[in-house]
PDB file of N, CA and C in Angstrom:
ATOM      1  N   UNK A   1      60.816  13.499  88.121  1.00  0.00           N
ATOM      2  CA  UNK A   1      61.324  14.392  87.102  1.00  0.00           C
ATOM      3  C   UNK A   1      62.489  13.748  86.330  1.00  0.00           C
ATOM      4  N   UNK A   2      63.248  12.911  87.029  1.00  0.00           N
ATOM      5  CA  UNK A   2      64.381  12.273  86.364  1.00  0.00           C
ATOM      6  C   UNK A   2      63.914  11.324  85.256  1.00  0.00           C
ATOM      7  N   UNK A   3      62.726  10.723  85.455  1.00  0.00           N
ATOM      8  CA  UNK A   3      62.203   9.790  84.457  1.00  0.00           C
ATOM      9  C   UNK A   3      61.942  10.523  83.143  1.00  0.00           C
ATOM     10  N   UNK A   4      61.407  11.736  83.209  1.00  0.00           N
ATOM     11  CA  UNK A   4      61.150  12.507  81.991  1.00  0.00           C
ATOM     12  C   UNK A   4      62.453  12.891  81.294  1.00  0.00           C
ATOM     13  N   UNK A   5      63.467  13.216  82.064  1.00  0.00           N
ATOM     14  CA  UNK A   5      64.771  13.539  81.487  1.00  0.00           C
ATOM     15  C   UNK A   5      65.394  12.327  80.808  1.00  0.00           C
ATOM     16  N   UNK A   6      65.320  11.171  81.463  1.00  0.00           N
ATOM     17  CA  UNK A   6      65.860   9.940  80.870  1.00  0.00           C
ATOM     18  C   UNK A   6      65.076   9.573  79.609  1.00  0.00           C
ATOM     19  N   UNK A   7      63.753   9.694  79.653  1.00  0.00           N
ATOM     20  CA  UNK A   7      62.927   9.393  78.483  1.00  0.00           C
ATOM     21  C   UNK A   7      63.261  10.340  77.329  1.00  0.00           C
ATOM     22  N   UNK A   8      63.510  11.610  77.633  1.00  0.00           N
ATOM     23  CA  UNK A   8      63.870  12.574  76.602  1.00  0.00           C
ATOM     24  C   UNK A   8      65.222  12.241  75.979  1.00  0.00           C
ATOM     25  N   UNK A   9      66.191  11.860  76.789  1.00  0.00           N
ATOM     26  CA  UNK A   9      67.510  11.490  76.279  1.00  0.00           C
ATOM     27  C   UNK A   9      67.408  10.235  75.413  1.00  0.00           C
ATOM     28  N   UNK A  10      66.655   9.253  75.851  1.00  0.00           N
ATOM     29  CA  UNK A  10      66.483   8.025  75.072  1.00  0.00           C
ATOM     30  C   UNK A  10      65.795   8.343  73.746  1.00  0.00           C
ATOM     31  N   UNK A  11      64.785   9.196  73.766  1.00  0.00           N
ATOM     32  CA  UNK A  11      64.084   9.581  72.546  1.00  0.00           C
ATOM     33  C   UNK A  11      65.017  10.305  71.578  1.00  0.00           C
ATOM     34  N   UNK A  12      65.861  11.166  72.077  1.00  0.00           N
ATOM     35  CA  UNK A  12      66.822  11.875  71.230  1.00  0.00           C
ATOM     36  C   UNK A  12      67.828  10.893  70.636  1.00  0.00           C
ATOM     37  N   UNK A  13      68.318   9.957  71.432  1.00  0.00           N
ATOM     38  CA  UNK A  13      69.280   8.971  70.927  1.00  0.00           C
ATOM     39  C   UNK A  13      68.655   8.084  69.850  1.00  0.00           C
ATOM     40  N   UNK A  14      67.416   7.679  70.036  1.00  0.00           N
ATOM     41  CA  UNK A  14      66.729   6.867  69.038  1.00  0.00           C
ATOM     42  C   UNK A  14      66.516   7.670  67.755  1.00  0.00           C
ATOM     43  N   UNK A  15      66.173   8.944  67.884  1.00  0.00           N
ATOM     44  CA  UNK A  15      65.974   9.792  66.707  1.00  0.00           C
ATOM     45  C   UNK A  15      67.267   9.966  65.922  1.00  0.00           C
ATOM     46  N   UNK A  16      68.374  10.176  66.627  1.00  0.00           N
ATOM     47  CA  UNK A  16      69.663  10.337  65.959  1.00  0.00           C
ATOM     48  C   UNK A  16      70.067   9.032  65.265  1.00  0.00           C
ATOM     49  N   UNK A  17      69.874   7.907  65.933  1.00  0.00           N
ATOM     50  CA  UNK A  17      70.216   6.624  65.328  1.00  0.00           C
ATOM     51  C   UNK A  17      69.353   6.341  64.092  1.00  0.00           C
ATOM     52  N   UNK A  18      68.069   6.657  64.161  1.00  0.00           N
ATOM     53  CA  UNK A  18      67.183   6.442  63.013  1.00  0.00           C
ATOM     54  C   UNK A  18      67.567   7.358  61.848  1.00  0.00           C
ATOM     55  N   UNK A  19      67.998   8.574  62.149  1.00  0.00           N
ATOM     56  CA  UNK A  19      68.425   9.494  61.091  1.00  0.00           C
ATOM     57  C   UNK A  19      69.671   8.970  60.395  1.00  0.00           C
ATOM     58  N   UNK A  20      70.659   8.517  61.164  1.00  0.00           N
ATOM     59  CA  UNK A  20      71.877   7.977  60.561  1.00  0.00           C
ATOM     60  C   UNK A  20      71.591   6.717  59.754  1.00  0.00           C
ATOM     61  N   UNK A  21      70.690   5.899  60.222  1.00  0.00           N
ATOM     62  CA  UNK A  21      70.329   4.684  59.488  1.00  0.00           C
ATOM     63  C   UNK A  21      69.658   5.033  58.161  1.00  0.00           C
ATOM     64  N   UNK A  22      68.751   6.003  58.172  1.00  0.00           N
ATOM     65  CA  UNK A  22      68.070   6.407  56.937  1.00  0.00           C
ATOM     66  C   UNK A  22      69.043   7.005  55.939  1.00  0.00           C
ATOM     67  N   UNK A  23      69.987   7.798  56.403  1.00  0.00           N
ATOM     68  CA  UNK A  23      70.972   8.400  55.502  1.00  0.00           C
ATOM     69  C   UNK A  23      71.913   7.333  54.956  1.00  0.00           C
ATOM     70  N   UNK A  24      72.288   6.365  55.762  1.00  0.00           N
ATOM     71  CA  UNK A  24      73.191   5.304  55.309  1.00  0.00           C
ATOM     72  C   UNK A  24      72.521   4.403  54.275  1.00  0.00           C
ATOM     73  N   UNK A  25      71.223   4.173  54.408  1.00  0.00           N
ATOM     74  CA  UNK A  25      70.513   3.313  53.453  1.00  0.00           C
ATOM     75  C   UNK A  25      70.338   3.980  52.104  1.00  0.00           C
ATOM     76  N   UNK A  26      69.981   5.244  52.099  1.00  0.00           N
ATOM     77  CA  UNK A  26      69.717   5.952  50.850  1.00  0.00           C
ATOM     78  C   UNK A  26      70.434   7.290  50.876  1.00  0.00           C
ATOM     79  N   UNK A  27      71.712   7.267  51.097  1.00  0.00           N
ATOM     80  CA  UNK A  27      72.468   8.499  51.218  1.00  0.00           C
ATOM     81  C   UNK A  27      72.682   9.218  49.905  1.00  0.00           C
ATOM     82  N   UNK A  28      72.528   8.510  48.796  1.00  0.00           N
ATOM     83  CA  UNK A  28      72.759   9.141  47.503  1.00  0.00           C
ATOM     84  C   UNK A  28      71.522   9.811  46.954  1.00  0.00           C
ATOM     85  N   UNK A  29      70.407   9.744  47.633  1.00  0.00           N
ATOM     86  CA  UNK A  29      69.187  10.329  47.121  1.00  0.00           C
ATOM     87  C   UNK A  29      68.503   9.398  46.147  1.00  0.00           C
ATOM     88  N   UNK A  30      67.673   9.955  45.294  1.00  0.00           N
ATOM     89  CA  UNK A  30      66.920   9.136  44.342  1.00  0.00           C
ATOM     90  C   UNK A  30      67.819   8.748  43.178  1.00  0.00           C
ATOM     91  N   UNK A  31      67.967   7.467  42.950  1.00  0.00           N
ATOM     92  CA  UNK A  31      68.708   6.981  41.789  1.00  0.00           C
ATOM     93  C   UNK A  31      67.761   6.146  40.943  1.00  0.00           C
ATOM     94  N   UNK A  32      67.666   6.440  39.650  1.00  0.00           N
ATOM     95  CA  UNK A  32      66.743   5.667  38.814  1.00  0.00           C
ATOM     96  C   UNK A  32      67.221   4.227  38.656  1.00  0.00           C
ATOM     97  N   UNK A  33      66.291   3.298  38.512  1.00  0.00           N
ATOM     98  CA  UNK A  33      66.688   1.898  38.360  1.00  0.00           C
ATOM     99  C   UNK A  33      67.340   1.647  36.999  1.00  0.00           C
ATOM    100  N   UNK A  34      68.185   0.659  36.936  1.00  0.00           N
ATOM    101  CA  UNK A  34      68.835   0.267  35.689  1.00  0.00           C
ATOM    102  C   UNK A  34      67.952  -0.760  34.988  1.00  0.00           C
ATOM    103  N   UNK A  35      67.599  -0.510  33.745  1.00  0.00           N
ATOM    104  CA  UNK A  35      66.775  -1.425  32.989  1.00  0.00           C
ATOM    105  C   UNK A  35      67.650  -2.312  32.117  1.00  0.00           C
ATOM    106  N   UNK A  36      67.238  -3.535  31.909  1.00  0.00           N
ATOM    107  CA  UNK A  36      68.023  -4.454  31.102  1.00  0.00           C
ATOM    108  C   UNK A  36      67.638  -4.407  29.627  1.00  0.00           C
ATOM    109  N   UNK A  37      66.661  -3.594  29.267  1.00  0.00           N
ATOM    110  CA  UNK A  37      66.240  -3.453  27.873  1.00  0.00           C
ATOM    111  C   UNK A  37      67.194  -2.478  27.180  1.00  0.00           C
ATOM    112  N   UNK A  38      67.665  -2.861  25.986  1.00  0.00           N
ATOM    113  CA  UNK A  38      68.569  -1.982  25.254  1.00  0.00           C
ATOM    114  C   UNK A  38      67.837  -0.747  24.762  1.00  0.00           C
ATOM    115  N   UNK A  39      68.547   0.368  24.653  1.00  0.00           N
ATOM    116  CA  UNK A  39      67.977   1.591  24.121  1.00  0.00           C
ATOM    117  C   UNK A  39      67.683   1.428  22.633  1.00  0.00           C
ATOM    118  N   UNK A  40      66.791   2.270  22.110  1.00  0.00           N
ATOM    119  CA  UNK A  40      66.425   2.218  20.713  1.00  0.00           C
ATOM    120  C   UNK A  40      67.612   2.662  19.872  1.00  0.00           C
ATOM    121  N   UNK A  41      67.826   1.980  18.764  1.00  0.00           N
ATOM    122  CA  UNK A  41      68.863   2.395  17.826  1.00  0.00           C
ATOM    123  C   UNK A  41      68.375   2.108  16.406  1.00  0.00           C
ATOM    124  N   UNK A  42      68.937   2.818  15.459  1.00  0.00           N
ATOM    125  CA  UNK A  42      68.525   2.687  14.065  1.00  0.00           C
ATOM    126  C   UNK A  42      69.528   1.823  13.314  1.00  0.00           C
ATOM    127  N   UNK A  43      69.680   0.592  13.720  1.00  0.00           N
ATOM    128  CA  UNK A  43      70.676  -0.271  13.093  1.00  0.00           C
ATOM    129  C   UNK A  43      70.269  -0.731  11.699  1.00  0.00           C
ATOM    130  N   UNK A  44      68.968  -0.893  11.434  1.00  0.00           N
ATOM    131  CA  UNK A  44      68.522  -1.452  10.168  1.00  0.00           C
ATOM    132  C   UNK A  44      68.050  -0.409   9.157  1.00  0.00           C
ATOM    133  N   UNK A  45      68.226   0.856   9.436  1.00  0.00           N
ATOM    134  CA  UNK A  45      67.787   1.879   8.498  1.00  0.00           C
ATOM    135  C   UNK A  45      68.788   1.999   7.349  1.00  0.00           C
ATOM    136  N   UNK A  46      68.294   2.296   6.147  1.00  0.00           N
ATOM    137  CA  UNK A  46      69.216   2.434   5.015  1.00  0.00           C
ATOM    138  C   UNK A  46      70.068   3.698   5.144  1.00  0.00           C
ATOM    139  N   UNK A  47      71.213   3.694   4.519  1.00  0.00           N
ATOM    140  CA  UNK A  47      72.099   4.847   4.612  1.00  0.00           C
ATOM    141  C   UNK A  47      71.766   5.925   3.584  1.00  0.00           C
ATOM    142  N   UNK A  48      70.922   5.606   2.593  1.00  0.00           N
ATOM    143  CA  UNK A  48      70.504   6.606   1.597  1.00  0.00           C
ATOM    144  C   UNK A  48      69.022   6.913   1.803  1.00  0.00           C
ATOM    145  N   UNK A  49      68.598   8.102   1.397  1.00  0.00           N
ATOM    146  CA  UNK A  49      67.189   8.439   1.562  1.00  0.00           C
ATOM    147  C   UNK A  49      66.346   7.784   0.469  1.00  0.00           C
ATOM    148  N   UNK A  50      65.044   7.867   0.578  1.00  0.00           N
ATOM    149  CA  UNK A  50      64.131   7.142  -0.318  1.00  0.00           C
ATOM    150  C   UNK A  50      64.179   7.665  -1.752  1.00  0.00           C
ATOM    151  N   UNK A  51      64.287   8.962  -1.929  1.00  0.00           N
ATOM    152  CA  UNK A  51      64.259   9.522  -3.289  1.00  0.00           C
ATOM    153  C   UNK A  51      65.490   9.115  -4.093  1.00  0.00           C
ATOM    154  N   UNK A  52      66.612   9.001  -3.482  1.00  0.00           N
ATOM    155  CA  UNK A  52      67.821   8.589  -4.206  1.00  0.00           C
ATOM    156  C   UNK A  52      67.737   7.115  -4.583  1.00  0.00           C
ATOM    157  N   UNK A  53      67.167   6.302  -3.728  1.00  0.00           N
ATOM    158  CA  UNK A  53      67.039   4.879  -4.034  1.00  0.00           C
ATOM    159  C   UNK A  53      66.011   4.627  -5.122  1.00  0.00           C
ATOM    160  N   UNK A  54      64.951   5.430  -5.186  1.00  0.00           N
ATOM    161  CA  UNK A  54      63.881   5.225  -6.155  1.00  0.00           C
ATOM    162  C   UNK A  54      64.334   5.561  -7.581  1.00  0.00           C
ATOM    163  N   UNK A  55      65.280   6.455  -7.700  1.00  0.00           N
ATOM    164  CA  UNK A  55      65.739   6.855  -9.034  1.00  0.00           C
ATOM    165  C   UNK A  55      66.805   5.934  -9.473  1.00  0.00           C
TER     166      UNK A  55
END
């Protein structure tokens, strides 16, 4: 009977250690990756609309 008790204690200790390890690795939850591509911007668009330029 003592073997089952020892096995249960060892199983609980391993479960607790695995839980702490998982939380330490990804404790912040899901974080989106950082991309190195710049966001879209309208740097080359004209400052006046088409109808004003055409006249």
